[in-house]
Amino acid sequence: MHRDMVVSSNNYIWLFFSFSGRVSRWVYFLASLLVGIAQVFPYYRLLLVPEGSEAAATWSAIFLLVLAGSLWPHVALSVKRLHDFNREGFFAIALFIPVLSIITFFVLCLYPGDRQANRFGSVTNSRR
């Protein structure tokens, strides 16, 4: 088996927390979906409990913690996806502009990256 294809915790740490390297459209989409599911679950649980209850306060706090904790992985994924286009990660700031965030997400999911090596890495889905 190829060294880069081995699934390990280091690969997940790189994927969700590092700003170096490149990721493909498919990896970006699936990883963003995982982050989104992590955000939606506590929100769903919050909607099921009576408003103003102790459980509502607990699920609200959990939702806010998950939301805050998922910002870094979402930005890290987007920066690596921008690197696949040979673009600076600075453009990930568009993710924080409400109308542009949806457009940016679809562009990052649909637009193909560079097939050849660029200044951010030799191949997609690798650290360098």
Protein backbone atom coordinates (compact mmCIF):
# COMPACT_ATOMS: atom_id res chain seq x y z
CA MET A 1 0.00 0.00 0.00
CA HIS A 2 1.26 3.47 -0.86
CA ARG A 3 2.55 5.49 2.11
CA ASP A 4 0.14 8.40 1.49
CA MET A 5 -2.87 6.11 1.31
CA VAL A 6 -2.42 4.75 4.83
CA VAL A 7 -5.13 6.16 7.08
CA SER A 8 -3.72 7.39 10.35
CA SER A 9 -4.54 9.96 12.98
CA ASN A 10 -1.74 12.16 11.58
CA ASN A 11 -3.62 12.37 8.27
CA TYR A 12 -6.76 13.55 10.05
CA ILE A 13 -4.82 16.08 12.11
CA TRP A 14 -3.23 17.41 8.92
CA LEU A 15 -6.58 17.48 7.07
CA PHE A 16 -8.55 19.35 9.72
CA PHE A 17 -5.93 21.50 11.48
CA SER A 18 -3.04 22.29 9.14
CA PHE A 19 -2.88 25.07 6.57
CA SER A 20 -0.21 23.45 4.38
CA GLY A 21 -0.72 21.30 1.32
CA ARG A 22 -3.60 20.78 -1.08
CA VAL A 23 -6.90 18.87 -1.06
CA SER A 24 -9.11 17.73 -3.92
CA ARG A 25 -12.74 18.66 -4.46
CA TRP A 26 -14.00 15.31 -3.20
CA VAL A 27 -11.92 15.35 0.00
CA TYR A 28 -12.94 18.97 0.64
CA PHE A 29 -16.62 18.15 0.17
CA LEU A 30 -16.59 15.04 2.40
CA ALA A 31 -14.53 16.68 5.15
CA SER A 32 -16.80 19.75 5.07
CA LEU A 33 -19.81 17.45 5.26
CA LEU A 34 -18.35 15.80 8.37
CA VAL A 35 -17.76 19.20 9.98
CA GLY A 36 -21.31 20.22 9.06
CA ILE A 37 -22.80 17.08 10.61
CA ALA A 38 -20.87 17.78 13.79
CA GLN A 39 -22.47 21.26 13.84
CA VAL A 40 -26.00 20.13 13.01
CA PHE A 41 -26.32 17.35 15.59
CA PRO A 42 -26.30 19.55 18.73
CA TYR A 43 -28.56 22.06 16.98
CA TYR A 44 -31.02 19.27 16.17
CA ARG A 45 -30.94 18.11 19.80
CA LEU A 46 -31.55 21.71 20.92
CA LEU A 47 -34.67 21.88 18.76
CA LEU A 48 -36.09 18.76 20.43
CA VAL A 49 -36.01 20.02 24.03
CA PRO A 50 -38.47 22.51 25.56
CA GLU A 51 -37.40 26.13 25.28
CA GLY A 52 -36.03 27.58 28.52
CA SER A 53 -35.32 24.19 30.09
CA GLU A 54 -32.02 23.11 31.60
CA ALA A 55 -31.56 20.71 28.69
CA ALA A 56 -31.98 23.63 26.27
CA ALA A 57 -29.25 25.55 28.05
CA THR A 58 -26.97 22.51 27.93
CA TRP A 59 -27.56 21.85 24.22
CA SER A 60 -27.13 25.57 23.46
CA ALA A 61 -23.75 25.55 25.16
CA ILE A 62 -22.72 22.35 23.35
CA PHE A 63 -23.85 23.82 20.02
CA LEU A 64 -21.86 27.02 20.57
CA LEU A 65 -18.75 25.04 21.57
CA VAL A 66 -19.00 22.79 18.52
CA LEU A 67 -19.63 25.79 16.26
CA ALA A 68 -16.62 27.66 17.64
CA GLY A 69 -14.47 24.53 17.51
CA SER A 70 -15.39 23.82 13.91
CA LEU A 71 -14.27 27.21 12.59
CA TRP A 72 -10.59 26.27 12.49
CA PRO A 73 -11.11 22.96 10.59
CA HIS A 74 -13.42 24.67 8.10
CA VAL A 75 -10.91 27.44 7.39
CA ALA A 76 -8.01 24.95 7.22
CA LEU A 77 -9.88 22.83 4.67
CA SER A 78 -10.75 25.89 2.60
CA VAL A 79 -7.18 27.19 2.63
CA LYS A 80 -5.88 23.83 1.40
CA ARG A 81 -8.57 23.77 -1.29
CA LEU A 82 -7.52 27.26 -2.41
CA HIS A 83 -3.93 26.02 -2.51
CA ASP A 84 -5.09 23.39 -5.02
CA PHE A 85 -5.97 26.32 -7.35
CA ASN A 86 -2.54 27.87 -6.65
CA ARG A 87 -4.28 30.68 -4.75
CA GLU A 88 -3.35 32.20 -1.41
CA GLY A 89 -5.30 31.03 1.62
CA PHE A 90 -6.17 34.65 2.37
CA PHE A 91 -9.17 34.31 0.04
CA ALA A 92 -10.77 32.01 2.63
CA ILE A 93 -11.93 35.23 4.29
CA ALA A 94 -14.87 35.07 1.84
CA LEU A 95 -16.23 32.25 4.02
CA PHE A 96 -17.10 34.82 6.69
CA ILE A 97 -19.18 37.02 4.38
CA PRO A 98 -22.72 35.57 4.56
CA VAL A 99 -23.76 35.75 0.90
CA LEU A 100 -20.31 34.85 -0.42
CA SER A 101 -19.90 31.86 1.91
CA ILE A 102 -22.40 29.71 0.00
CA ILE A 103 -21.00 30.75 -3.38
CA THR A 104 -17.43 30.15 -2.17
CA PHE A 105 -18.32 26.69 -0.87
CA PHE A 106 -19.85 25.65 -4.21
CA VAL A 107 -16.91 27.06 -6.17
CA LEU A 108 -14.47 25.15 -3.96
CA CYS A 109 -16.51 21.95 -4.40
CA LEU A 110 -17.03 22.20 -8.15
CA TYR A 111 -14.04 23.99 -9.67
CA PRO A 112 -11.16 21.62 -10.52
CA GLY A 113 -7.74 22.34 -9.08
CA ASP A 114 -4.36 22.32 -10.80
CA ARG A 115 -3.44 18.95 -12.26
CA GLN A 116 0.25 19.69 -12.13
CA ALA A 117 2.44 20.63 -9.19
CA ASN A 118 2.19 24.19 -7.91
CA ARG A 119 3.93 26.19 -5.20
CA PHE A 120 1.72 24.61 -2.50
CA GLY A 121 2.48 20.99 -3.29
CA SER A 122 3.23 18.43 -5.92
CA VAL A 123 -0.08 16.55 -5.73
CA THR A 124 -3.46 16.99 -4.14
CA ASN A 125 -4.31 15.43 -0.78
CA SER A 126 -0.76 15.71 0.46
CA ARG A 127 1.06 17.86 2.95
CA ARG A 128 3.53 19.13 0.35
